[in-house]
Amino acid sequence: AETPEGQACGLVKNLSLMSVISVGSISAPVIEFLQEWGLEGLEESAGAHGTATKVFVNGVWMGVHRDPLSLVKTLRRLRRRDDISPEVSIVRDIRERELRLYTDAGRVCRPLLIVENQQLLLKKEHVLRLNDGSDPHRPRFGWTQLTKEGVIELLDAEEEETVMISMSSDELDDSRANEAVGHVSGAGATDHDVAARIQSTMSTHAFTHCEIHPAMILGICASIIPFPDHNQVRVFLVFIYAIELLTFNPLNSVSSKHVPI
């Protein structure tokens, strides 16, 4: 829908910062791996559909698997080691007993930092290697290397619903502290704490990923909203001075009343 002034109205979706679109990869390596790791065909497991987990690849029912937890862990480990494409999406729906794998193109993926045992896999040595670009003979350490070493992972919208994402490393620190003492985060917040509304108030002991920066959940349009109010003061002074020049009348000024015309 459009307004008479020509502006679009309604819900407008924008890509978040650092998001990428998957280009797609062949599904044959994934299917071959599934067959090697205990995937049962539809004709082989006609009576096990009620207890086993259905496995789909790009929407096609390939068979069933009796140990989906270990299968998901193995697939994610292969993806983080770059044995399969980092754009492969691994979605396990426990309630529906389904494991959905996607290798197609056109999916919106976001990069996230991987968390294990409430610890970021991104270490100080990675940051130093990213900043070290002085030696032209050494291959530059960049985004591809972070993905291959299992530090950063690309998740699409459907897989993002199955993980626990912390907004900053502070939440990971709180989670480790709460896990050590065994109480819920935010339980000791006072009524006078102005930041209590945005602090974690739940038991966050199962974080799997962390945002690179909290602003990465926003798009470009939402990120530039504050900047119209960030104009410099001299811009307003020049604007006001121009208005005074336009409205100044020398005949009405006090200094020109005694000047003969």
C-alpha atoms as a PDB file:
ATOM      1  CA  ALA A   1       0.000   0.000   0.000  1.00  0.00           C
ATOM      2  CA  GLU A   2       1.074   3.579  -0.625  1.00  0.00           C
ATOM      3  CA  THR A   3       0.016   6.907   0.802  1.00  0.00           C
ATOM      4  CA  PRO A   4      -1.137   9.837  -1.376  1.00  0.00           C
ATOM      5  CA  GLU A   5       2.238  11.477  -0.782  1.00  0.00           C
ATOM      6  CA  GLY A   6       3.976   8.511  -2.372  1.00  0.00           C
ATOM      7  CA  GLN A   7       5.507   7.083   0.791  1.00  0.00           C
ATOM      8  CA  ALA A   8       5.246   3.361   1.447  1.00  0.00           C
ATOM      9  CA  CYS A   9       3.347   2.396   4.579  1.00  0.00           C
ATOM     10  CA  GLY A  10       3.040  -0.837   6.484  1.00  0.00           C
ATOM     11  CA  LEU A  11       5.706  -3.304   7.571  1.00  0.00           C
ATOM     12  CA  VAL A  12       8.975  -2.718   5.733  1.00  0.00           C
ATOM     13  CA  LYS A  13      11.747  -5.271   6.255  1.00  0.00           C
ATOM     14  CA  ASN A  14      15.405  -4.337   5.929  1.00  0.00           C
ATOM     15  CA  LEU A  15      18.534  -6.462   5.968  1.00  0.00           C
ATOM     16  CA  SER A  16      20.378  -6.305   9.258  1.00  0.00           C
ATOM     17  CA  LEU A  17      23.975  -5.175   9.377  1.00  0.00           C
ATOM     18  CA  MET A  18      26.555  -7.792   8.295  1.00  0.00           C
ATOM     19  CA  SER A  19      23.861 -10.119   6.950  1.00  0.00           C
ATOM     20  CA  VAL A  20      24.605 -12.092   3.788  1.00  0.00           C
ATOM     21  CA  ILE A  21      22.534 -14.006   1.251  1.00  0.00           C
ATOM     22  CA  SER A  22      23.412 -17.653   0.724  1.00  0.00           C
ATOM     23  CA  VAL A  23      24.621 -18.500  -2.777  1.00  0.00           C
ATOM     24  CA  GLY A  24      23.801 -22.192  -2.436  1.00  0.00           C
ATOM     25  CA  SER A  25      25.875 -25.357  -2.590  1.00  0.00           C
ATOM     26  CA  ILE A  26      25.364 -28.899  -3.810  1.00  0.00           C
ATOM     27  CA  SER A  27      23.551 -31.210  -1.413  1.00  0.00           C
ATOM     28  CA  ALA A  28      25.339 -34.412  -2.491  1.00  0.00           C
ATOM     29  CA  PRO A  29      28.085 -34.248   0.205  1.00  0.00           C
ATOM     30  CA  VAL A  30      25.472 -33.766   2.925  1.00  0.00           C
ATOM     31  CA  ILE A  31      23.334 -36.651   1.675  1.00  0.00           C
ATOM     32  CA  GLU A  32      26.390 -38.894   1.395  1.00  0.00           C
ATOM     33  CA  PHE A  33      27.374 -38.069   4.956  1.00  0.00           C
ATOM     34  CA  LEU A  34      23.857 -38.825   6.210  1.00  0.00           C
ATOM     35  CA  GLN A  35      23.917 -42.236   4.564  1.00  0.00           C
ATOM     36  CA  GLU A  36      27.244 -43.025   6.219  1.00  0.00           C
ATOM     37  CA  TRP A  37      26.007 -41.954   9.652  1.00  0.00           C
ATOM     38  CA  GLY A  38      22.985 -44.175  10.047  1.00  0.00           C
ATOM     39  CA  LEU A  39      20.287 -42.621   7.892  1.00  0.00           C
ATOM     40  CA  GLU A  40      17.561 -45.199   7.299  1.00  0.00           C
ATOM     41  CA  GLY A  41      15.628 -45.048   4.057  1.00  0.00           C
ATOM     42  CA  LEU A  42      11.878 -44.762   3.935  1.00  0.00           C
ATOM     43  CA  GLU A  43      11.424 -48.337   2.723  1.00  0.00           C
ATOM     44  CA  GLU A  44      13.788 -49.719   5.393  1.00  0.00           C
ATOM     45  CA  SER A  45      12.119 -48.101   8.415  1.00  0.00           C
ATOM     46  CA  ALA A  46       8.415 -48.241   7.718  1.00  0.00           C
ATOM     47  CA  GLY A  47       7.599 -49.076  11.336  1.00  0.00           C
ATOM     48  CA  ALA A  48       9.993 -46.639  13.007  1.00  0.00           C
ATOM     49  CA  HIS A  49       8.445 -43.375  11.857  1.00  0.00           C
ATOM     50  CA  GLY A  50       6.714 -42.838  15.195  1.00  0.00           C
ATOM     51  CA  THR A  51       9.886 -42.911  17.306  1.00  0.00           C
ATOM     52  CA  ALA A  52      12.691 -41.847  14.946  1.00  0.00           C
ATOM     53  CA  THR A  53      13.428 -38.330  13.692  1.00  0.00           C
ATOM     54  CA  LYS A  54      12.613 -37.455  10.108  1.00  0.00           C
ATOM     55  CA  VAL A  55      15.476 -35.985   8.086  1.00  0.00           C
ATOM     56  CA  PHE A  56      14.770 -33.470   5.320  1.00  0.00           C
ATOM     57  CA  VAL A  57      17.282 -31.999   2.862  1.00  0.00           C
ATOM     58  CA  ASN A  58      16.000 -28.885   1.080  1.00  0.00           C
ATOM     59  CA  GLY A  59      12.442 -29.941   1.861  1.00  0.00           C
ATOM     60  CA  VAL A  60      12.812 -33.512   0.539  1.00  0.00           C
ATOM     61  CA  TRP A  61      12.219 -36.345   3.001  1.00  0.00           C
ATOM     62  CA  MET A  62      15.367 -38.455   2.812  1.00  0.00           C
ATOM     63  CA  GLY A  63      14.737 -40.912   5.664  1.00  0.00           C
ATOM     64  CA  VAL A  64      14.793 -41.211   9.448  1.00  0.00           C
ATOM     65  CA  HIS A  65      17.517 -41.268  12.098  1.00  0.00           C
ATOM     66  CA  ARG A  66      17.391 -42.810  15.567  1.00  0.00           C
ATOM     67  CA  ASP A  67      20.034 -40.600  17.249  1.00  0.00           C
ATOM     68  CA  PRO A  68      19.371 -37.018  16.097  1.00  0.00           C
ATOM     69  CA  LEU A  69      21.331 -35.376  18.929  1.00  0.00           C
ATOM     70  CA  SER A  70      24.662 -36.916  17.959  1.00  0.00           C
ATOM     71  CA  LEU A  71      23.885 -36.343  14.280  1.00  0.00           C
ATOM     72  CA  VAL A  72      23.301 -32.613  14.830  1.00  0.00           C
ATOM     73  CA  LYS A  73      26.493 -32.290  16.884  1.00  0.00           C
ATOM     74  CA  THR A  74      28.497 -34.054  14.182  1.00  0.00           C
ATOM     75  CA  LEU A  75      27.024 -31.920  11.396  1.00  0.00           C
ATOM     76  CA  ARG A  76      27.791 -28.696  13.251  1.00  0.00           C
ATOM     77  CA  ARG A  77      31.310 -29.873  13.979  1.00  0.00           C
ATOM     78  CA  LEU A  78      31.836 -30.583  10.277  1.00  0.00           C
ATOM     79  CA  ARG A  79      30.451 -27.175   9.350  1.00  0.00           C
ATOM     80  CA  ARG A  80      32.753 -25.394  11.792  1.00  0.00           C
ATOM     81  CA  ARG A  81      35.744 -27.286  10.405  1.00  0.00           C
ATOM     82  CA  ASP A  82      34.763 -26.284   6.844  1.00  0.00           C
ATOM     83  CA  ASP A  83      34.226 -29.921   5.820  1.00  0.00           C
ATOM     84  CA  ILE A  84      30.797 -28.902   4.567  1.00  0.00           C
ATOM     85  CA  SER A  85      29.728 -25.474   3.362  1.00  0.00           C
ATOM     86  CA  PRO A  86      29.419 -22.871   6.154  1.00  0.00           C
ATOM     87  CA  GLU A  87      26.108 -21.787   4.599  1.00  0.00           C
ATOM     88  CA  VAL A  88      24.439 -25.150   5.332  1.00  0.00           C
ATOM     89  CA  SER A  89      21.572 -24.669   7.770  1.00  0.00           C
ATOM     90  CA  ILE A  90      20.960 -27.307  10.462  1.00  0.00           C
ATOM     91  CA  VAL A  91      17.550 -27.046  12.136  1.00  0.00           C
ATOM     92  CA  ARG A  92      16.315 -29.605  14.644  1.00  0.00           C
ATOM     93  CA  ASP A  93      12.646 -29.402  15.602  1.00  0.00           C
ATOM     94  CA  ILE A  94      12.339 -31.517  18.736  1.00  0.00           C
ATOM     95  CA  ARG A  95       8.582 -31.179  19.061  1.00  0.00           C
ATOM     96  CA  GLU A  96       7.893 -32.263  15.481  1.00  0.00           C
ATOM     97  CA  ARG A  97      10.759 -34.808  15.504  1.00  0.00           C
ATOM     98  CA  GLU A  98      12.269 -33.332  12.375  1.00  0.00           C
ATOM     99  CA  LEU A  99      15.792 -32.467  11.276  1.00  0.00           C
ATOM    100  CA  ARG A 100      15.806 -29.997   8.394  1.00  0.00           C
ATOM    101  CA  LEU A 101      18.953 -29.278   6.393  1.00  0.00           C
ATOM    102  CA  TYR A 102      19.137 -26.503   3.805  1.00  0.00           C
ATOM    103  CA  THR A 103      21.819 -25.923   1.191  1.00  0.00           C
ATOM    104  CA  ASP A 104      19.807 -23.790  -1.240  1.00  0.00           C
ATOM    105  CA  ALA A 105      20.385 -20.181  -2.250  1.00  0.00           C
ATOM    106  CA  GLY A 106      18.485 -17.081  -1.190  1.00  0.00           C
ATOM    107  CA  ARG A 107      18.520 -17.549   2.588  1.00  0.00           C
ATOM    108  CA  VAL A 108      19.441 -14.560   4.764  1.00  0.00           C
ATOM    109  CA  CYS A 109      22.283 -15.516   7.121  1.00  0.00           C
ATOM    110  CA  ARG A 110      23.811 -13.577  10.006  1.00  0.00           C
ATOM    111  CA  PRO A 111      27.318 -14.081  11.437  1.00  0.00           C
ATOM    112  CA  LEU A 112      27.510 -14.873  15.146  1.00  0.00           C
ATOM    113  CA  LEU A 113      30.341 -15.659  17.532  1.00  0.00           C
ATOM    114  CA  ILE A 114      30.346 -19.270  18.731  1.00  0.00           C
ATOM    115  CA  VAL A 115      30.071 -19.903  22.478  1.00  0.00           C
ATOM    116  CA  GLU A 116      31.093 -23.134  24.218  1.00  0.00           C
ATOM    117  CA  ASN A 117      30.788 -23.664  27.969  1.00  0.00           C
ATOM    118  CA  GLN A 118      29.751 -20.006  28.333  1.00  0.00           C
ATOM    119  CA  GLN A 119      33.099 -18.957  26.836  1.00  0.00           C
ATOM    120  CA  LEU A 120      33.706 -17.180  23.548  1.00  0.00           C
ATOM    121  CA  LEU A 121      35.853 -19.124  21.122  1.00  0.00           C
ATOM    122  CA  LEU A 122      37.180 -15.780  19.897  1.00  0.00           C
ATOM    123  CA  LYS A 123      40.431 -15.274  21.777  1.00  0.00           C
ATOM    124  CA  LYS A 124      42.927 -12.452  22.037  1.00  0.00           C
ATOM    125  CA  GLU A 125      45.269 -14.222  19.640  1.00  0.00           C
ATOM    126  CA  HIS A 126      42.611 -14.046  16.929  1.00  0.00           C
ATOM    127  CA  VAL A 127      42.298 -10.290  17.406  1.00  0.00           C
ATOM    128  CA  LEU A 128      46.073  -9.870  17.254  1.00  0.00           C
ATOM    129  CA  ARG A 129      46.237 -11.900  14.053  1.00  0.00           C
ATOM    130  CA  LEU A 130      43.469  -9.778  12.550  1.00  0.00           C
ATOM    131  CA  ASN A 131      45.398  -6.593  13.318  1.00  0.00           C
ATOM    132  CA  ASP A 132      48.729  -7.998  12.151  1.00  0.00           C
ATOM    133  CA  GLY A 133      49.014  -7.054   8.488  1.00  0.00           C
ATOM    134  CA  SER A 134      52.605  -5.855   8.423  1.00  0.00           C
ATOM    135  CA  ASP A 135      54.153  -8.961   6.825  1.00  0.00           C
ATOM    136  CA  PRO A 136      53.218  -9.070   3.118  1.00  0.00           C
ATOM    137  CA  HIS A 137      54.609 -12.611   2.736  1.00  0.00           C
ATOM    138  CA  ARG A 138      52.222 -14.131   5.263  1.00  0.00           C
ATOM    139  CA  PRO A 139      48.648 -14.862   4.184  1.00  0.00           C
ATOM    140  CA  ARG A 140      46.335 -12.315   5.719  1.00  0.00           C
ATOM    141  CA  PHE A 141      44.167 -13.615   8.537  1.00  0.00           C
ATOM    142  CA  GLY A 142      40.608 -12.514   7.900  1.00  0.00           C
ATOM    143  CA  TRP A 143      36.957 -13.466   7.828  1.00  0.00           C
ATOM    144  CA  THR A 144      37.458 -16.727   5.923  1.00  0.00           C
ATOM    145  CA  GLN A 145      40.000 -17.979   8.440  1.00  0.00           C
ATOM    146  CA  LEU A 146      37.705 -17.136  11.359  1.00  0.00           C
ATOM    147  CA  THR A 147      34.964 -19.194   9.739  1.00  0.00           C
ATOM    148  CA  LYS A 148      37.235 -22.149   8.980  1.00  0.00           C
ATOM    149  CA  GLU A 149      38.624 -22.195  12.521  1.00  0.00           C
ATOM    150  CA  GLY A 150      35.143 -22.350  14.024  1.00  0.00           C
ATOM    151  CA  VAL A 151      35.104 -18.916  15.639  1.00  0.00           C
ATOM    152  CA  ILE A 152      32.252 -17.385  13.617  1.00  0.00           C
ATOM    153  CA  GLU A 153      29.187 -19.190  12.313  1.00  0.00           C
ATOM    154  CA  LEU A 154      26.539 -18.179   9.777  1.00  0.00           C
ATOM    155  CA  LEU A 155      22.958 -18.842  10.880  1.00  0.00           C
ATOM    156  CA  ASP A 156      19.813 -18.290   8.862  1.00  0.00           C
ATOM    157  CA  ALA A 157      16.479 -17.173  10.285  1.00  0.00           C
ATOM    158  CA  GLU A 158      15.147 -20.693  10.871  1.00  0.00           C
ATOM    159  CA  GLU A 159      18.238 -22.015  12.629  1.00  0.00           C
ATOM    160  CA  GLU A 160      18.429 -18.843  14.704  1.00  0.00           C
ATOM    161  CA  GLU A 161      15.179 -19.899  16.375  1.00  0.00           C
ATOM    162  CA  THR A 162      16.885 -22.999  17.821  1.00  0.00           C
ATOM    163  CA  VAL A 163      19.894 -21.330  19.486  1.00  0.00           C
ATOM    164  CA  MET A 164      20.452 -19.096  22.520  1.00  0.00           C
ATOM    165  CA  ILE A 165      22.147 -15.797  21.652  1.00  0.00           C
ATOM    166  CA  SER A 166      23.691 -13.400  24.156  1.00  0.00           C
ATOM    167  CA  MET A 167      23.837  -9.733  23.268  1.00  0.00           C
ATOM    168  CA  SER A 168      27.284  -9.136  24.772  1.00  0.00           C
ATOM    169  CA  SER A 169      30.088 -10.856  26.628  1.00  0.00           C
ATOM    170  CA  ASP A 170      28.789  -9.353  29.880  1.00  0.00           C
ATOM    171  CA  GLU A 171      25.849 -11.745  29.765  1.00  0.00           C
ATOM    172  CA  LEU A 172      28.283 -14.637  29.435  1.00  0.00           C
ATOM    173  CA  ASP A 173      30.138 -13.409  32.527  1.00  0.00           C
ATOM    174  CA  ASP A 174      26.872 -13.195  34.452  1.00  0.00           C
ATOM    175  CA  SER A 175      25.874 -16.648  33.263  1.00  0.00           C
ATOM    176  CA  ARG A 176      29.133 -18.185  34.463  1.00  0.00           C
ATOM    177  CA  ALA A 177      28.818 -16.428  37.813  1.00  0.00           C
ATOM    178  CA  ASN A 178      25.218 -17.547  38.253  1.00  0.00           C
ATOM    179  CA  GLU A 179      26.090 -21.090  37.278  1.00  0.00           C
ATOM    180  CA  ALA A 180      28.827 -21.123  39.906  1.00  0.00           C
ATOM    181  CA  VAL A 181      26.582 -19.951  42.753  1.00  0.00           C
ATOM    182  CA  GLY A 182      23.364 -21.452  41.407  1.00  0.00           C
ATOM    183  CA  HIS A 183      20.963 -18.501  41.350  1.00  0.00           C
ATOM    184  CA  VAL A 184      19.056 -16.553  38.730  1.00  0.00           C
ATOM    185  CA  SER A 185      20.651 -13.517  37.144  1.00  0.00           C
ATOM    186  CA  GLY A 186      19.122 -10.201  38.118  1.00  0.00           C
ATOM    187  CA  ALA A 187      17.593 -11.495  41.360  1.00  0.00           C
ATOM    188  CA  GLY A 188      19.488  -8.929  43.423  1.00  0.00           C
ATOM    189  CA  ALA A 189      18.576  -5.888  41.339  1.00  0.00           C
ATOM    190  CA  THR A 190      17.128  -3.007  43.331  1.00  0.00           C
ATOM    191  CA  ASP A 191      14.201  -0.782  42.423  1.00  0.00           C
ATOM    192  CA  HIS A 192      16.573   2.156  42.030  1.00  0.00           C
ATOM    193  CA  ASP A 193      18.614   0.436  39.335  1.00  0.00           C
ATOM    194  CA  VAL A 194      17.876   2.413  36.156  1.00  0.00           C
ATOM    195  CA  ALA A 195      19.366  -0.347  33.994  1.00  0.00           C
ATOM    196  CA  ALA A 196      17.338  -3.158  35.565  1.00  0.00           C
ATOM    197  CA  ARG A 197      14.920  -3.246  32.653  1.00  0.00           C
ATOM    198  CA  ILE A 198      17.581  -4.211  30.132  1.00  0.00           C
ATOM    199  CA  GLN A 199      19.521  -6.583  32.363  1.00  0.00           C
ATOM    200  CA  SER A 200      19.120 -10.326  32.120  1.00  0.00           C
ATOM    201  CA  THR A 201      16.481 -11.617  34.545  1.00  0.00           C
ATOM    202  CA  MET A 202      16.452 -15.296  33.600  1.00  0.00           C
ATOM    203  CA  SER A 203      18.733 -18.278  34.064  1.00  0.00           C
ATOM    204  CA  THR A 204      20.946 -17.970  31.000  1.00  0.00           C
ATOM    205  CA  HIS A 205      23.125 -21.043  31.347  1.00  0.00           C
ATOM    206  CA  ALA A 206      22.732 -22.379  27.809  1.00  0.00           C
ATOM    207  CA  PHE A 207      24.135 -19.672  25.535  1.00  0.00           C
ATOM    208  CA  THR A 208      25.357 -21.078  22.239  1.00  0.00           C
ATOM    209  CA  HIS A 209      26.208 -17.882  20.339  1.00  0.00           C
ATOM    210  CA  CYS A 210      26.989 -14.226  20.959  1.00  0.00           C
ATOM    211  CA  GLU A 211      26.363 -11.134  18.880  1.00  0.00           C
ATOM    212  CA  ILE A 212      29.419  -9.501  17.332  1.00  0.00           C
ATOM    213  CA  HIS A 213      27.876  -6.188  18.422  1.00  0.00           C
ATOM    214  CA  PRO A 214      24.348  -5.487  19.704  1.00  0.00           C
ATOM    215  CA  ALA A 215      23.796  -3.032  16.843  1.00  0.00           C
ATOM    216  CA  MET A 216      24.102  -5.889  14.343  1.00  0.00           C
ATOM    217  CA  ILE A 217      20.480  -6.867  14.943  1.00  0.00           C
ATOM    218  CA  LEU A 218      19.371  -3.588  13.337  1.00  0.00           C
ATOM    219  CA  GLY A 219      19.291  -2.560   9.718  1.00  0.00           C
ATOM    220  CA  ILE A 220      20.891   0.484   8.164  1.00  0.00           C
ATOM    221  CA  CYS A 221      17.668   2.501   8.252  1.00  0.00           C
ATOM    222  CA  ALA A 222      17.194   1.905  11.976  1.00  0.00           C
ATOM    223  CA  SER A 223      20.859   2.615  12.682  1.00  0.00           C
ATOM    224  CA  ILE A 224      20.847   6.097  11.124  1.00  0.00           C
ATOM    225  CA  ILE A 225      17.696   7.337  12.886  1.00  0.00           C
ATOM    226  CA  PRO A 226      19.625   9.198  15.665  1.00  0.00           C
ATOM    227  CA  PHE A 227      21.957  11.011  13.281  1.00  0.00           C
ATOM    228  CA  PRO A 228      19.611  13.798  12.029  1.00  0.00           C
ATOM    229  CA  ASP A 229      19.869  15.217  15.572  1.00  0.00           C
ATOM    230  CA  HIS A 230      23.676  15.164  15.478  1.00  0.00           C
ATOM    231  CA  ASN A 231      24.173  18.281  13.332  1.00  0.00           C
ATOM    232  CA  GLN A 232      26.995  20.596  14.307  1.00  0.00           C
ATOM    233  CA  VAL A 233      26.210  23.843  16.123  1.00  0.00           C
ATOM    234  CA  ARG A 234      27.838  26.054  13.500  1.00  0.00           C
ATOM    235  CA  VAL A 235      25.331  24.800  10.928  1.00  0.00           C
ATOM    236  CA  PHE A 236      22.521  26.272  13.008  1.00  0.00           C
ATOM    237  CA  LEU A 237      24.478  29.499  13.582  1.00  0.00           C
ATOM    238  CA  VAL A 238      25.008  29.984   9.854  1.00  0.00           C
ATOM    239  CA  PHE A 239      21.335  29.308   9.246  1.00  0.00           C
ATOM    240  CA  ILE A 240      20.250  31.845  11.896  1.00  0.00           C
ATOM    241  CA  TYR A 241      22.754  34.425  10.622  1.00  0.00           C
ATOM    242  CA  ALA A 242      21.331  34.072   7.120  1.00  0.00           C
ATOM    243  CA  ILE A 243      17.815  34.700   8.451  1.00  0.00           C
ATOM    244  CA  GLU A 244      19.019  37.866  10.213  1.00  0.00           C
ATOM    245  CA  LEU A 245      20.583  39.157   7.005  1.00  0.00           C
ATOM    246  CA  LEU A 246      17.372  38.583   5.109  1.00  0.00           C
ATOM    247  CA  THR A 247      15.241  40.376   7.722  1.00  0.00           C
ATOM    248  CA  PHE A 248      17.628  43.288   8.410  1.00  0.00           C
ATOM    249  CA  ASN A 249      16.368  46.699   7.306  1.00  0.00           C
ATOM    250  CA  PRO A 250      18.978  49.513   7.567  1.00  0.00           C
ATOM    251  CA  LEU A 251      16.271  52.223   7.610  1.00  0.00           C
ATOM    252  CA  ASN A 252      14.798  50.846  10.819  1.00  0.00           C
ATOM    253  CA  SER A 253      18.072  50.444  12.654  1.00  0.00           C
ATOM    254  CA  VAL A 254      18.970  52.773  15.527  1.00  0.00           C
ATOM    255  CA  SER A 255      22.266  53.837  13.976  1.00  0.00           C
ATOM    256  CA  SER A 256      20.655  54.972  10.728  1.00  0.00           C
ATOM    257  CA  LYS A 257      18.055  57.315  12.224  1.00  0.00           C
ATOM    258  CA  HIS A 258      20.450  60.309  12.278  1.00  0.00           C
ATOM    259  CA  VAL A 259      21.862  59.654   8.835  1.00  0.00           C
ATOM    260  CA  PRO A 260      20.439  62.079   6.227  1.00  0.00           C
ATOM    261  CA  ILE A 261      18.996  60.365   3.184  1.00  0.00           C
END
